[in-house]
Protein backbone atom coordinates (compact mmCIF):
# COMPACT_ATOMS: atom_id res chain seq x y z
CA MET A 1 -6.88 -3.95 6.06
CA ALA A 2 -3.48 -2.32 5.57
CA ALA A 3 -2.15 0.07 8.18
CA SER A 4 -2.00 3.72 7.29
CA ALA A 5 1.38 5.07 6.26
CA HIS A 6 3.04 8.38 7.01
CA VAL A 7 3.15 10.60 3.94
CA ASP A 8 5.66 13.42 4.31
CA ASP A 9 4.69 16.92 3.26
CA GLY A 10 7.11 16.93 0.33
CA LEU A 11 5.60 13.86 -1.33
CA TRP A 12 2.04 14.93 -0.53
CA ASN A 13 2.59 18.36 -2.10
CA GLU A 14 4.52 17.07 -5.11
CA PHE A 15 1.91 14.41 -5.87
CA HIS A 16 -0.90 16.95 -5.72
CA THR A 17 1.10 19.27 -7.97
CA VAL A 18 1.99 16.72 -10.65
CA VAL A 19 -1.49 15.17 -10.59
CA ASN A 20 -3.12 18.28 -11.99
CA MET A 21 -6.32 16.62 -13.19
CA THR A 22 -9.26 16.40 -10.81
CA SER A 23 -10.57 12.97 -9.93
CA ARG A 24 -13.58 13.68 -12.15
CA GLU A 25 -11.40 14.71 -15.11
CA LEU A 26 -9.20 11.64 -14.65
CA ARG A 27 -12.15 9.26 -14.32
CA GLU A 28 -13.79 10.67 -17.45
CA TRP A 29 -10.49 10.50 -19.35
CA LEU A 30 -9.88 6.88 -18.35
CA ASN A 31 -13.44 5.92 -19.32
CA VAL A 32 -13.08 7.59 -22.73
CA GLN A 33 -9.69 5.96 -23.32
CA ALA A 34 -11.06 2.52 -22.43
CA ALA A 35 -14.07 2.78 -24.73
CA GLY A 36 -13.53 1.09 -28.06
CA GLU A 37 -15.70 0.71 -31.11
CA ARG A 38 -17.05 -2.64 -29.96
CA THR A 39 -16.26 -2.76 -26.25
CA GLU A 40 -16.32 -0.58 -23.20
CA GLU A 41 -14.60 -1.33 -19.91
CA VAL A 42 -16.52 -1.47 -16.67
CA PRO A 43 -15.94 2.01 -15.17
CA ASP A 44 -14.06 0.68 -12.12
CA ARG A 45 -11.63 -1.12 -14.45
CA ALA A 46 -11.24 1.55 -17.13
CA GLY A 47 -7.75 2.73 -17.90
CA PRO A 48 -4.30 1.51 -16.93
CA PRO A 49 -3.66 0.22 -13.39
CA THR A 50 -1.56 3.25 -12.40
CA GLY A 51 -4.30 5.65 -13.48
CA ARG A 52 -6.89 3.72 -11.50
CA ARG A 53 -4.50 3.75 -8.53
CA VAL A 54 -4.17 7.54 -8.77
CA LEU A 55 -7.96 7.78 -8.73
CA GLU A 56 -8.10 5.66 -5.57
CA ILE A 57 -5.47 7.83 -3.89
CA LEU A 58 -7.31 11.04 -4.82
CA GLY A 59 -10.38 9.60 -3.10
CA LYS A 60 -8.58 8.99 0.18
CA ARG A 61 -7.70 11.16 3.13
CA ARG A 62 -4.01 11.55 3.81
CA THR A 63 -4.35 9.58 7.06
CA ASP A 64 -5.88 6.62 5.18
CA LEU A 65 -3.02 6.13 2.72
CA THR A 66 -1.14 2.81 2.81
CA GLU A 67 2.51 2.01 2.07
CA ASP A 68 1.38 0.81 -1.38
CA ASP A 69 -0.29 4.18 -1.93
CA VAL A 70 2.93 5.96 -0.95
CA ARG A 71 4.92 3.85 -3.43
CA ALA A 72 2.36 4.61 -6.16
CA MET A 73 2.57 8.33 -5.38
CA GLU A 74 6.37 8.23 -5.59
CA HIS A 75 6.15 6.32 -8.89
CA VAL A 76 3.77 8.85 -10.45
CA CYS A 77 5.96 11.76 -9.31
CA GLU A 78 9.05 10.06 -10.80
CA ILE A 79 7.32 9.49 -14.14
CA VAL A 80 6.13 13.09 -14.43
CA ARG A 81 9.47 14.50 -13.23
CA SER A 82 11.40 12.39 -15.75
CA GLN A 83 9.19 13.49 -18.65
CA ARG A 84 8.47 17.09 -17.69
CA GLY A 85 11.34 18.45 -15.60
CA PRO A 86 10.87 20.75 -12.61
CA SER A 87 9.00 23.66 -14.21
CA LEU A 88 5.77 21.88 -15.24
CA GLU A 89 5.01 24.83 -17.51
CA PRO A 90 2.30 23.98 -20.06
CA LYS A 91 3.98 22.15 -22.91
CA ALA A 92 2.70 20.63 -26.13
CA GLY A 93 4.06 17.30 -27.29
CA GLY A 94 2.93 14.34 -29.30
CA ALA A 95 -0.55 12.97 -28.63
CA ASP A 96 0.80 9.63 -27.35
CA TRP A 97 3.09 11.42 -24.90
CA ARG A 98 0.29 13.66 -23.62
CA HIS A 99 -2.19 10.80 -23.37
CA GLY A 100 0.33 8.65 -21.51
CA LEU A 101 0.75 11.38 -18.89
CA MET A 102 -2.98 11.98 -18.73
CA ASN A 103 -3.43 8.26 -17.98
CA ILE A 104 -1.73 8.95 -14.62
CA GLY A 105 -3.50 12.24 -13.91
CA HIS A 106 -1.10 14.78 -15.41
CA ASP A 107 -2.20 16.97 -18.30
CA PRO A 108 0.93 18.69 -19.67
CA LEU A 109 -1.19 21.38 -21.35
CA LYS A 110 -2.93 22.42 -18.14
CA PRO A 111 -1.48 25.56 -16.50
CA ALA A 112 0.21 24.99 -13.12
């Protein structure tokens, strides 16, 4: 089992700001995205790896996070920051853009 990692307040707060979907909303989204006409992913494997990782992190206490979790949190924050900027005001864009962000727990149409 991996040792727990220190997560500074800045990263903790930013992650929980940019990941504006609840774990339930994200899980349902990933399951819907993974369902095809002929196939459906096993729920634990539905969606892209980063989205599943976000779900795992949302299910953990801060004291239980690992170094890998911290790196994943930083990665998600970087992705959202690079595509949204600092304001995170609700913003419409193309469906692929929105869905890509939703795959990691950020709905750009959801009010801050």
